[in-house]
Amino acid sequence: MAKNIKLGTRYVLIVFVMFLCYKVTSADYILKLKDIDSTLLSVVTGAVFGALTLIVKNHFETKVDND
């Protein structure tokens, strides 16, 4: 039972970060940030996709225990 909760939590976290990636790469958000500064746009999108990469990498490299 605990294993299912831990796996569910992992998938909810992955879906949430994927939603953030979608929102950051939407056209409205990019146009809003592009007017401010192009460096800020690259930092924000890079940070969100970097976080998604780390979370997915950690998800597939670690095993969920039954504890």
Protein backbone atom coordinates (compact mmCIF):
# COMPACT_ATOMS: atom_id res chain seq x y z
CA MET A 1 0.00 0.00 0.00
CA ALA A 2 2.78 2.45 0.90
CA LYS A 3 4.51 1.67 -2.38
CA ASN A 4 1.42 2.75 -4.33
CA ILE A 5 1.22 6.02 -2.41
CA LYS A 6 4.89 6.77 -3.03
CA LEU A 7 4.57 5.98 -6.75
CA GLY A 8 1.43 8.10 -6.98
CA THR A 9 3.21 10.99 -5.32
CA ARG A 10 6.08 10.69 -7.78
CA TYR A 11 3.70 10.77 -10.74
CA VAL A 12 1.79 13.75 -9.35
CA LEU A 13 5.08 15.62 -8.97
CA ILE A 14 6.11 14.77 -12.53
CA VAL A 15 2.74 15.89 -13.91
CA PHE A 16 2.95 19.16 -11.95
CA VAL A 17 6.41 19.98 -13.30
CA MET A 18 5.25 19.06 -16.81
CA PHE A 19 2.37 21.51 -16.34
CA LEU A 20 4.89 24.19 -15.33
CA CYS A 21 6.91 23.44 -18.46
CA TYR A 22 3.77 23.84 -20.54
CA LYS A 23 2.88 27.16 -18.90
CA VAL A 24 6.42 28.55 -19.25
CA THR A 25 6.64 27.63 -22.92
CA SER A 26 3.18 28.97 -23.80
CA ALA A 27 3.20 31.79 -26.32
CA ASP A 28 1.62 34.36 -23.98
CA TYR A 29 4.20 33.82 -21.26
CA ILE A 30 7.13 33.88 -23.69
CA LEU A 31 5.94 37.14 -25.27
CA LYS A 32 5.50 38.68 -21.82
CA LEU A 33 9.05 37.73 -20.76
CA LYS A 34 10.59 38.60 -24.12
CA ASP A 35 9.52 42.21 -23.65
CA ILE A 36 11.26 42.33 -20.27
CA ASP A 37 14.58 40.58 -21.00
CA SER A 38 15.70 37.73 -23.23
CA THR A 39 18.17 36.47 -20.60
CA LEU A 40 15.32 36.07 -18.12
CA LEU A 41 13.41 34.00 -20.66
CA SER A 42 16.27 31.57 -21.16
CA VAL A 43 16.89 31.27 -17.40
CA VAL A 44 13.24 30.57 -16.58
CA THR A 45 12.70 28.01 -19.33
CA GLY A 46 16.05 26.34 -18.65
CA ALA A 47 15.34 26.09 -14.93
CA VAL A 48 11.94 24.48 -15.42
CA PHE A 49 13.14 21.96 -17.99
CA GLY A 50 16.23 21.25 -15.86
CA ALA A 51 14.01 20.52 -12.87
CA LEU A 52 11.84 18.21 -14.99
CA THR A 53 14.95 16.39 -16.21
CA LEU A 54 16.25 15.85 -12.67
CA ILE A 55 12.89 14.64 -11.37
CA VAL A 56 12.34 12.17 -14.21
CA LYS A 57 15.96 10.96 -14.00
CA ASN A 58 15.62 10.40 -10.26
CA HIS A 59 12.28 8.64 -10.78
CA PHE A 60 13.74 6.07 -13.14
CA GLU A 61 17.01 5.55 -11.25
CA THR A 62 15.57 4.92 -7.80
CA LYS A 63 13.38 2.11 -6.54
CA VAL A 64 10.39 2.62 -4.29
CA ASP A 65 10.64 0.60 -1.06
CA ASN A 66 7.65 -0.89 0.72
CA ASP A 67 8.62 0.82 4.00
